């Protein structure tokens, strides 16, 4: 292959330079050179962008890293195509690194120019164009930043509303149970006054206390009955109370049933105390049962609140480093809890977690945003009814997370566009079209992973693949 000499005529034959003056072309020839590059790698993604290349003859291949693999983006032999450090005109205001990799498949001839000299030439020859390009470049960055922030705020607002609703239910239950418990404790004090008056002899009192302790243990292990079984047991207890002349037995029956007690247990109480104090003993035990049930309700409610707060902290990664080693399953669980109100009762959530999947290195809060976007889309696709499946597996040194729904599917004529910014299939006002674009940039751009989708009616699957070792850990300043 004969390597030509650099000349204004040669450079003018390349479409990039065809409108330059002879003096500008001469200047480029002095600043750069014509080079033959043998088959192989020219530069790698992420390396300092030192040169700008214009193809004169041969073939080049451009590629980008995705999930640890070098993915071919374009392959061309078109004369005049260029690559390399073309953003040099922006100087050190942006990272001057190669944004992809380039290799040649056959010995090729390039015009090669030092990137810094290219930047100087562009700024000197085209000052107005530089200002326009700078405005477009930074304006796009600023717009993307503002819109990303708004998308996050919209998601946060939606999650906050759901979290508030989820917190309100157990909080209100705890308040109600506390108020009722106060009444029951007051009733127990009244009963203690009656006991002190001498209605119960010492043996009956000892027996009653023993039964009281037994009740507390029984309540803690009370089974959950079907509505039909509970109704049948309430009828049987109400009849027993009537047979033993205990007033308003129908009102006491539900409490004893809820505690898991039956007529056989009541017969033990009847045999342990005199008939004259049986009703007082039953009502004393009723107060004990109600108090235990109310304390269980308070404990369940406050545990639920604690769980929700813990999930919110896990989801937001509050007080944690942005980049850390995390359990993917904990991230997924916290997202499902945060979206619990939105998922609703009509959607069954199935979790198929691989217990062998190790912790991964990741930007945890941003991955939670990915799960939020994908789960939210899945829920919308099912219109409140269906099955949401979250599946994790290990694929060598990568973690795979699938979020599947049984919705109507993504039409074939739009599936190739769903990761485009501002593209949405939702009605106007219901979607920004940025959720999947942001997810793509987090998974592919920031974690060097993959985000793919397959869809058929009744089976849509978004597959996220990220390296277990994660992207290169950022250095601390």
Protein backbone atom coordinates (compact mmCIF):
# COMPACT_ATOMS: atom_id res chain seq x y z
CA UNK A 1 0.00 0.00 0.00
CA UNK A 2 1.43 3.38 -1.06
CA UNK A 3 1.17 6.09 1.58
CA UNK A 4 0.42 9.44 -0.08
CA UNK A 5 1.96 12.75 0.92
CA UNK A 6 -0.26 15.18 2.80
CA UNK A 7 -1.42 17.99 0.52
CA UNK A 8 -4.27 20.50 0.39
CA UNK A 9 -5.68 18.60 -2.59
CA UNK A 10 -5.75 15.31 -0.65
CA UNK A 11 -7.40 16.83 2.41
CA UNK A 12 -9.93 18.74 0.28
CA UNK A 13 -11.05 15.40 -1.17
CA UNK A 14 -12.23 14.40 2.33
CA UNK A 15 -15.72 15.77 3.00
CA UNK A 16 -14.75 17.05 6.45
CA UNK A 17 -12.22 19.48 5.01
CA UNK A 18 -13.72 20.32 1.60
CA UNK A 19 -14.70 23.90 2.53
CA UNK A 20 -11.40 24.95 4.12
CA UNK A 21 -9.06 27.45 2.49
CA UNK A 22 -5.70 26.53 1.03
CA UNK A 23 -3.95 28.18 3.97
CA UNK A 24 -6.04 26.18 6.46
CA UNK A 25 -5.35 22.95 4.59
CA UNK A 26 -1.62 23.73 4.52
CA UNK A 27 -1.77 24.37 8.26
CA UNK A 28 -3.42 20.99 8.83
CA UNK A 29 -0.75 19.23 6.79
CA UNK A 30 1.95 20.86 8.87
CA UNK A 31 0.16 19.96 12.14
CA UNK A 32 -0.73 16.39 11.21
CA UNK A 33 0.54 13.55 9.09
CA UNK A 34 -0.55 10.67 6.87
CA UNK A 35 -0.05 7.28 8.53
CA UNK A 36 -0.51 3.66 7.55
CA UNK A 37 -1.95 1.69 10.47
CA UNK A 38 -1.66 -2.06 10.40
CA UNK A 39 -4.51 -4.44 11.19
CA UNK A 40 -5.43 -4.34 14.89
CA UNK A 41 -6.44 -2.06 17.74
CA UNK A 42 -5.89 1.69 17.30
CA UNK A 43 -7.18 2.91 20.66
CA UNK A 44 -9.35 1.68 23.55
CA UNK A 45 -12.38 3.18 25.21
CA UNK A 46 -11.45 5.23 28.28
CA UNK A 47 -7.86 5.93 27.22
CA UNK A 48 -6.71 9.59 26.97
CA UNK A 49 -7.95 10.99 23.66
CA UNK A 50 -4.67 12.16 22.12
CA UNK A 51 -5.39 11.90 18.37
CA UNK A 52 -8.05 12.59 15.76
CA UNK A 53 -8.26 10.14 12.83
CA UNK A 54 -9.74 10.61 9.33
CA UNK A 55 -9.94 7.49 7.12
CA UNK A 56 -8.42 7.82 3.67
CA UNK A 57 -8.29 4.17 2.65
CA UNK A 58 -9.12 0.87 4.41
CA UNK A 59 -11.76 -0.19 6.93
CA UNK A 60 -12.36 0.70 10.57
CA UNK A 61 -14.60 -0.79 13.28
CA UNK A 62 -16.01 1.27 16.16
CA UNK A 63 -17.13 -0.51 19.35
CA UNK A 64 -18.22 0.16 22.92
CA UNK A 65 -18.02 -1.84 26.13
CA UNK A 66 -21.25 -3.37 27.44
CA UNK A 67 -21.36 -5.91 30.25
CA UNK A 68 -17.62 -6.43 29.93
CA UNK A 69 -17.99 -7.27 26.23
CA UNK A 70 -16.77 -5.16 23.31
CA UNK A 71 -19.91 -4.55 21.22
CA UNK A 72 -19.44 -3.52 17.58
CA UNK A 73 -21.28 -0.27 16.81
CA UNK A 74 -20.28 0.38 13.21
CA UNK A 75 -18.00 -1.02 10.52
CA UNK A 76 -17.19 1.18 7.52
CA UNK A 77 -14.75 1.77 4.67
CA UNK A 78 -16.28 5.13 3.74
CA UNK A 79 -13.55 7.58 2.84
CA UNK A 80 -13.47 10.62 5.13
CA UNK A 81 -15.14 9.12 8.21
CA UNK A 82 -13.50 10.37 11.37
CA UNK A 83 -13.07 9.25 14.97
CA UNK A 84 -11.04 9.95 18.09
CA UNK A 85 -10.59 13.09 20.13
CA UNK A 86 -13.08 15.30 18.30
CA UNK A 87 -14.30 17.05 21.51
CA UNK A 88 -10.85 18.58 22.05
CA UNK A 89 -12.29 22.03 21.26
CA UNK A 90 -14.00 21.88 24.68
CA UNK A 91 -10.66 21.62 26.46
CA UNK A 92 -10.42 20.34 30.01
CA UNK A 93 -14.04 21.21 30.78
CA UNK A 94 -14.99 17.68 29.76
CA UNK A 95 -13.00 14.44 30.20
CA UNK A 96 -10.75 14.11 27.15
CA UNK A 97 -10.99 10.34 26.74
CA UNK A 98 -11.94 8.07 23.88
CA UNK A 99 -15.68 7.39 24.18
CA UNK A 100 -15.35 4.09 22.31
CA UNK A 101 -12.72 1.79 20.82
CA UNK A 102 -11.40 1.71 17.25
CA UNK A 103 -9.62 -1.00 15.34
CA UNK A 104 -8.81 -1.58 11.68
CA UNK A 105 -9.54 -4.84 9.90
CA UNK A 106 -6.99 -4.34 7.14
CA UNK A 107 -3.93 -2.11 6.74
CA UNK A 108 -5.47 1.37 6.43
CA UNK A 109 -4.36 4.90 5.71
CA UNK A 110 -5.42 7.80 7.94
CA UNK A 111 -4.84 11.49 8.26
CA UNK A 112 -3.80 11.76 11.92
CA UNK A 113 -3.93 15.03 13.85
CA UNK A 114 -2.97 15.71 17.45
CA UNK A 115 -6.25 16.27 19.35
CA UNK A 116 -5.00 19.42 21.04
CA UNK A 117 -4.02 20.92 17.68
CA UNK A 118 -7.46 20.03 16.33
CA UNK A 119 -9.04 21.87 19.23
CA UNK A 120 -6.88 24.93 18.68
CA UNK A 121 -7.70 25.00 14.95
CA UNK A 122 -11.45 24.72 15.54
CA UNK A 123 -11.44 27.51 18.13
CA UNK A 124 -9.29 29.77 15.92
CA UNK A 125 -11.01 29.16 12.57
CA UNK A 126 -14.61 28.77 13.65
CA UNK A 127 -15.17 30.86 16.82
CA UNK A 128 -18.88 31.33 16.14
CA UNK A 129 -19.36 27.63 15.45
CA UNK A 130 -17.47 26.80 18.65
CA UNK A 131 -19.82 29.00 20.67
CA UNK A 132 -22.83 27.34 19.05
CA UNK A 133 -21.42 23.85 19.64
CA UNK A 134 -20.54 24.67 23.23
CA UNK A 135 -24.03 26.00 23.81
CA UNK A 136 -25.58 22.90 22.28
CA UNK A 137 -23.27 20.55 24.19
CA UNK A 138 -23.66 22.11 27.62
CA UNK A 139 -27.29 23.00 27.02
CA UNK A 140 -28.02 19.36 26.31
CA UNK A 141 -26.12 18.35 29.44
CA UNK A 142 -27.97 20.93 31.53
CA UNK A 143 -31.35 19.96 30.09
CA UNK A 144 -30.66 16.29 30.70
CA UNK A 145 -29.58 17.04 34.28
CA UNK A 146 -32.69 19.10 35.02
CA UNK A 147 -35.01 16.54 33.46
CA UNK A 148 -33.28 13.67 35.26
CA UNK A 149 -33.70 15.53 38.54
CA UNK A 150 -37.37 16.15 37.79
CA UNK A 151 -37.87 12.48 36.92
CA UNK A 152 -36.29 11.50 40.23
CA UNK A 153 -38.46 14.02 42.08
CA UNK A 154 -41.61 12.71 40.37
CA UNK A 155 -40.65 9.17 41.34
CA UNK A 156 -39.85 10.31 44.87
CA UNK A 157 -43.19 12.10 45.13
CA UNK A 158 -45.06 9.01 43.99
CA UNK A 159 -43.11 6.78 46.38
CA UNK A 160 -43.55 9.25 49.25
CA UNK A 161 -47.31 9.28 48.74
CA UNK A 162 -47.36 5.49 48.76
CA UNK A 163 -45.09 5.32 51.79
CA UNK A 164 -47.24 7.83 53.66
CA UNK A 165 -50.30 5.70 52.97
CA UNK A 166 -48.47 2.53 54.02
CA UNK A 167 -47.24 4.16 57.24
CA UNK A 168 -50.61 5.68 58.06
CA UNK A 169 -52.40 2.33 58.24
CA UNK A 170 -50.23 0.68 60.93
CA UNK A 171 -49.82 3.98 62.77
CA UNK A 172 -53.60 4.46 62.95
CA UNK A 173 -54.02 0.83 64.03
CA UNK A 174 -51.47 1.30 66.81
CA UNK A 175 -53.25 4.46 68.02
CA UNK A 176 -56.63 2.73 68.04
CA UNK A 177 -55.25 -0.33 69.79
CA UNK A 178 -53.54 1.82 72.42
CA UNK A 179 -56.76 3.71 73.20
CA UNK A 180 -58.72 0.45 73.46
CA UNK A 181 -56.02 -1.12 75.60
CA UNK A 182 -56.27 1.78 78.02
CA UNK A 183 -60.00 1.01 78.45
CA UNK A 184 -59.30 -2.66 78.99
CA UNK A 185 -56.65 -1.94 81.62
CA UNK A 186 -59.17 0.29 83.40
CA UNK A 187 -61.64 -2.60 83.35
CA UNK A 188 -59.02 -4.94 84.77
CA UNK A 189 -58.41 -2.50 87.62
CA UNK A 190 -62.14 -2.60 88.34
CA UNK A 191 -62.04 -6.39 88.37
CA UNK A 192 -59.07 -6.33 90.71
CA UNK A 193 -61.21 -4.28 93.09
CA UNK A 194 -63.89 -6.95 92.95
CA UNK A 195 -61.31 -9.66 93.61
CA UNK A 196 -59.97 -7.71 96.54
CA UNK A 197 -63.47 -7.52 97.99
CA UNK A 198 -63.27 -11.25 98.63
CA UNK A 199 -65.54 -12.79 95.97
CA UNK A 200 -62.80 -15.28 95.00
CA UNK A 201 -61.32 -17.67 97.57
CA UNK A 202 -57.60 -18.28 97.57
CA UNK A 203 -57.75 -21.53 95.57
CA UNK A 204 -59.95 -19.95 92.88
CA UNK A 205 -57.65 -16.97 92.71
CA UNK A 206 -54.57 -19.17 92.22
CA UNK A 207 -56.41 -21.11 89.52
CA UNK A 208 -57.54 -17.90 87.83
CA UNK A 209 -54.00 -16.57 87.71
CA UNK A 210 -52.78 -19.86 86.27
CA UNK A 211 -55.50 -19.69 83.59
CA UNK A 212 -54.54 -16.09 82.89
CA UNK A 213 -50.93 -17.13 82.19
CA UNK A 214 -52.19 -20.00 80.05
CA UNK A 215 -54.36 -17.61 78.03
CA UNK A 216 -51.38 -15.38 77.28
CA UNK A 217 -49.48 -18.37 75.86
CA UNK A 218 -52.50 -19.57 73.85
CA UNK A 219 -53.06 -16.13 72.32
CA UNK A 220 -49.46 -16.01 71.10
CA UNK A 221 -50.02 -19.28 69.17
CA UNK A 222 -53.61 -18.67 68.04
CA UNK A 223 -54.32 -20.22 64.62
CA UNK A 224 -55.82 -18.26 61.75
CA UNK A 225 -59.29 -19.63 61.02
CA UNK A 226 -61.32 -19.34 57.86
CA UNK A 227 -64.36 -17.03 58.18
CA UNK A 228 -66.68 -20.06 58.12
CA UNK A 229 -64.74 -21.94 60.80
CA UNK A 230 -64.57 -18.81 62.99
CA UNK A 231 -68.35 -18.28 62.67
CA UNK A 232 -69.06 -21.88 63.63
CA UNK A 233 -66.79 -21.64 66.67
CA UNK A 234 -68.38 -18.32 67.74
CA UNK A 235 -71.84 -19.92 67.61
CA UNK A 236 -70.63 -22.83 69.74
CA UNK A 237 -69.06 -20.49 72.33
CA UNK A 238 -72.13 -18.25 72.43
CA UNK A 239 -74.31 -21.33 73.14
CA UNK A 240 -71.92 -22.40 75.92
CA UNK A 241 -72.11 -18.97 77.55
CA UNK A 242 -75.92 -19.06 77.38
CA UNK A 243 -75.97 -22.57 78.92
CA UNK A 244 -73.84 -21.27 81.80
CA UNK A 245 -75.97 -18.13 82.36
CA UNK A 246 -73.22 -15.72 81.29
CA UNK A 247 -74.81 -12.52 80.03
CA UNK A 248 -74.10 -11.21 76.50
CA UNK A 249 -72.12 -14.31 75.63
CA UNK A 250 -72.44 -13.47 71.91
CA UNK A 251 -70.35 -10.36 72.61
CA UNK A 252 -67.59 -12.35 74.34
CA UNK A 253 -67.42 -15.19 71.82
CA UNK A 254 -65.44 -13.42 69.01
CA UNK A 255 -62.64 -12.48 71.44
CA UNK A 256 -62.23 -16.05 72.69
CA UNK A 257 -62.31 -17.40 69.13
CA UNK A 258 -59.66 -14.91 68.03
CA UNK A 259 -57.49 -16.16 70.88
CA UNK A 260 -57.84 -19.74 69.64
CA UNK A 261 -60.00 -20.96 72.56
CA UNK A 262 -62.90 -23.39 72.27
CA UNK A 263 -65.64 -24.87 74.48
CA UNK A 264 -63.28 -27.58 75.73
CA UNK A 265 -61.01 -24.92 77.25
CA UNK A 266 -64.03 -23.16 78.78
CA UNK A 267 -65.06 -26.45 80.42
CA UNK A 268 -61.66 -26.49 82.13
CA UNK A 269 -62.35 -22.99 83.47
CA UNK A 270 -65.82 -24.07 84.67
CA UNK A 271 -64.34 -27.07 86.49
CA UNK A 272 -61.65 -24.93 88.14
CA UNK A 273 -63.87 -22.27 89.77
CA UNK A 274 -67.18 -22.20 91.64
CA UNK A 275 -70.32 -21.52 89.66
CA UNK A 276 -70.88 -18.41 91.74
CA UNK A 277 -67.75 -16.73 90.36
CA UNK A 278 -67.69 -18.34 86.86
CA UNK A 279 -69.01 -15.26 85.08
CA UNK A 280 -66.51 -12.99 86.88
CA UNK A 281 -63.70 -15.39 85.97
CA UNK A 282 -64.77 -15.47 82.31
CA UNK A 283 -64.93 -11.68 82.12
CA UNK A 284 -61.57 -11.35 83.88
CA UNK A 285 -60.06 -13.74 81.31
CA UNK A 286 -61.79 -11.80 78.53
CA UNK A 287 -59.96 -8.65 79.64
CA UNK A 288 -56.70 -10.59 79.66
CA UNK A 289 -57.33 -11.94 76.15
CA UNK A 290 -58.28 -8.53 74.80
CA UNK A 291 -55.19 -6.97 76.34
CA UNK A 292 -52.93 -9.61 74.80
CA UNK A 293 -54.59 -9.26 71.39
CA UNK A 294 -54.29 -5.47 71.54
CA UNK A 295 -50.62 -5.68 72.51
CA UNK A 296 -50.06 -8.06 69.60
CA UNK A 297 -51.74 -5.56 67.28
CA UNK A 298 -49.55 -2.74 68.59
CA UNK A 299 -46.45 -4.90 68.19
CA UNK A 300 -47.44 -5.87 64.63
CA UNK A 301 -48.20 -2.26 63.71
CA UNK A 302 -44.99 -0.83 65.11
CA UNK A 303 -42.99 -3.66 63.50
CA UNK A 304 -44.64 -2.80 60.18
CA UNK A 305 -43.69 0.85 60.65
CA UNK A 306 -40.13 -0.12 61.50
CA UNK A 307 -39.99 -2.38 58.43
CA UNK A 308 -41.25 0.42 56.18
CA UNK A 309 -38.77 2.92 57.58
CA UNK A 310 -35.97 0.38 57.16
CA UNK A 311 -37.06 -0.27 53.57
CA UNK A 312 -37.12 3.47 52.88
CA UNK A 313 -33.56 3.81 54.20
CA UNK A 314 -32.44 0.80 52.19
CA UNK A 315 -34.16 2.14 49.09
CA UNK A 316 -32.74 5.66 49.37
CA UNK A 317 -29.36 4.38 50.61
CA UNK A 318 -29.51 7.13 53.22
CA UNK A 319 -26.25 7.60 55.15
CA UNK A 320 -24.46 5.15 52.82
CA UNK A 321 -21.73 5.60 50.24
CA UNK A 322 -22.98 5.96 46.64
CA UNK A 323 -20.74 3.10 45.51
CA UNK A 324 -20.73 0.02 47.72
CA UNK A 325 -20.99 -3.74 47.93
CA UNK A 326 -24.68 -4.63 48.24
CA UNK A 327 -27.10 -7.55 48.28
CA UNK A 328 -29.25 -7.27 45.13
CA UNK A 329 -32.10 -9.08 46.87
CA UNK A 330 -32.22 -6.48 49.65
CA UNK A 331 -32.40 -3.72 47.02
CA UNK A 332 -35.22 -5.49 45.20
CA UNK A 333 -37.14 -6.17 48.42
CA UNK A 334 -36.89 -2.55 49.55
CA UNK A 335 -38.19 -1.40 46.16
CA UNK A 336 -41.14 -3.80 46.32
CA UNK A 337 -42.00 -2.55 49.81
CA UNK A 338 -41.80 1.07 48.68
CA UNK A 339 -44.07 0.31 45.71
CA UNK A 340 -46.42 -1.94 47.70
CA UNK A 341 -49.31 0.52 47.62
CA UNK A 342 -48.94 1.03 43.87
CA UNK A 343 -48.65 -2.69 43.12
CA UNK A 344 -51.96 -3.32 44.87
CA UNK A 345 -53.80 -6.45 45.91
CA UNK A 346 -54.70 -7.52 42.37
CA UNK A 347 -51.12 -8.30 41.40
CA UNK A 348 -49.37 -11.40 42.71
CA UNK A 349 -45.67 -10.85 43.37
CA UNK A 350 -43.48 -13.91 42.81
CA UNK A 351 -39.84 -13.78 43.92
CA UNK A 352 -37.48 -16.35 42.42
CA UNK A 353 -34.17 -15.41 44.00
CA UNK A 354 -30.96 -17.34 43.40
CA UNK A 355 -29.49 -17.92 46.90
CA UNK A 356 -26.01 -18.41 45.43
CA UNK A 357 -25.89 -14.90 43.94
CA UNK A 358 -23.15 -13.02 45.83
CA UNK A 359 -23.20 -9.31 46.75
CA UNK A 360 -22.26 -6.98 43.90
CA UNK A 361 -20.32 -3.72 43.64
CA UNK A 362 -22.72 -1.04 42.46
CA UNK A 363 -24.28 2.38 42.78
CA UNK A 364 -27.08 1.00 44.94
CA UNK A 365 -29.46 3.97 45.02
CA UNK A 366 -29.31 4.24 41.23
CA UNK A 367 -30.01 0.54 40.76
CA UNK A 368 -33.05 1.02 43.00
CA UNK A 369 -34.18 3.67 40.55
CA UNK A 370 -33.86 1.10 37.76
CA UNK A 371 -35.96 -1.44 39.68
CA UNK A 372 -38.54 1.29 40.39
CA UNK A 373 -38.86 2.23 36.72
CA UNK A 374 -39.14 -1.38 35.56
CA UNK A 375 -41.60 -2.47 38.26
CA UNK A 376 -43.70 0.67 37.73
CA UNK A 377 -43.90 -0.04 34.00
CA UNK A 378 -44.80 -3.68 34.66
CA UNK A 379 -47.60 -2.70 37.04
CA UNK A 380 -48.97 -0.19 34.53
CA UNK A 381 -48.86 -2.80 31.76
CA UNK A 382 -50.98 -5.20 33.84
CA UNK A 383 -53.56 -2.54 34.70
CA UNK A 384 -53.74 -3.74 38.32
CA UNK A 385 -54.29 -7.45 37.64
CA UNK A 386 -51.66 -10.10 36.90
CA UNK A 387 -48.40 -11.62 38.11
CA UNK A 388 -45.17 -9.72 38.69
CA UNK A 389 -42.14 -12.02 38.77
CA UNK A 390 -38.74 -10.91 40.04
CA UNK A 391 -36.04 -13.44 39.16
CA UNK A 392 -32.30 -13.41 39.88
CA UNK A 393 -29.63 -15.74 38.53
CA UNK A 394 -25.88 -15.83 38.19
CA UNK A 395 -24.23 -15.94 34.78
CA UNK A 396 -20.51 -16.46 35.39
CA UNK A 397 -19.13 -13.20 36.75
CA UNK A 398 -22.39 -11.33 36.14
CA UNK A 399 -25.65 -10.94 38.06
CA UNK A 400 -28.88 -11.24 36.06
CA UNK A 401 -32.13 -9.69 37.24
CA UNK A 402 -35.39 -10.24 35.34
CA UNK A 403 -38.57 -8.27 35.95
CA UNK A 404 -41.47 -9.98 34.22
CA UNK A 405 -45.15 -9.13 33.87
CA UNK A 406 -48.24 -10.77 32.39
CA UNK A 407 -49.53 -7.61 30.73
CA UNK A 408 -50.57 -7.05 27.13
CA UNK A 409 -46.98 -6.77 25.91
CA UNK A 410 -45.06 -4.14 23.94
CA UNK A 411 -46.12 -3.77 20.28
CA UNK A 412 -43.50 -4.86 17.73
CA UNK A 413 -43.59 -1.47 16.01
CA UNK A 414 -42.39 0.39 19.14
CA UNK A 415 -40.23 -2.11 21.04
CA UNK A 416 -37.06 -0.86 19.32
CA UNK A 417 -37.77 2.69 20.53
CA UNK A 418 -38.63 2.19 24.19
CA UNK A 419 -35.15 3.16 25.41
CA UNK A 420 -35.21 6.44 23.49
CA UNK A 421 -35.52 9.56 25.66
CA UNK A 422 -39.03 11.07 25.76
CA UNK A 423 -40.59 8.08 24.01
CA UNK A 424 -43.59 6.71 25.90
CA UNK A 425 -46.63 4.58 25.13
CA UNK A 426 -48.54 5.99 28.09
CA UNK A 427 -51.29 8.61 27.61
CA UNK A 428 -50.29 12.27 27.67
CA UNK A 429 -49.59 13.39 31.23
CA UNK A 430 -49.01 9.89 32.57
CA UNK A 431 -45.41 9.32 31.50
CA UNK A 432 -42.32 11.36 30.71
CA UNK A 433 -40.66 8.79 28.48
CA UNK A 434 -37.46 9.05 30.51
CA UNK A 435 -37.70 6.10 32.90
CA UNK A 436 -36.20 3.54 30.52
CA UNK A 437 -33.70 6.03 29.12
CA UNK A 438 -32.42 6.75 32.63
CA UNK A 439 -32.41 3.02 33.42
CA UNK A 440 -30.39 2.36 30.28
CA UNK A 441 -27.80 4.97 31.20
CA UNK A 442 -27.52 3.64 34.76
CA UNK A 443 -27.18 -0.01 33.74
CA UNK A 444 -25.20 0.28 30.51
CA UNK A 445 -23.41 3.60 30.94
CA UNK A 446 -22.61 3.59 34.63
CA UNK A 447 -22.38 -0.13 35.44
CA UNK A 448 -21.13 -1.38 32.04
CA UNK A 449 -24.00 -3.85 32.00
CA UNK A 450 -26.86 -4.80 29.69
CA UNK A 451 -30.56 -3.94 29.61
CA UNK A 452 -32.70 -5.94 27.21
CA UNK A 453 -36.39 -6.65 26.70
CA UNK A 454 -38.42 -9.44 25.14
CA UNK A 455 -42.16 -9.12 24.90
CA UNK A 456 -45.17 -11.16 23.89
CA UNK A 457 -48.77 -10.76 25.06
CA UNK A 458 -48.85 -12.14 28.60
CA UNK A 459 -45.06 -12.32 28.95
CA UNK A 460 -42.84 -9.23 28.96
CA UNK A 461 -39.35 -9.55 30.44
CA UNK A 462 -36.81 -6.84 31.15
CA UNK A 463 -33.41 -8.38 31.76
CA UNK A 464 -30.73 -6.43 33.63
CA UNK A 465 -27.20 -7.85 33.61
CA UNK A 466 -24.47 -6.20 35.68
CA UNK A 467 -20.94 -7.34 36.54
CA UNK A 468 -20.66 -8.77 40.06
CA UNK A 469 -17.34 -6.99 40.45
CA UNK A 470 -19.04 -3.81 39.24
CA UNK A 471 -17.53 -0.91 37.34
CA UNK A 472 -14.15 0.40 38.42
CA UNK A 473 -14.51 1.69 41.99
CA UNK A 474 -14.26 5.50 41.97
CA UNK A 475 -11.25 6.96 43.71
CA UNK A 476 -11.85 9.04 46.81
CA UNK A 477 -10.54 12.60 46.90
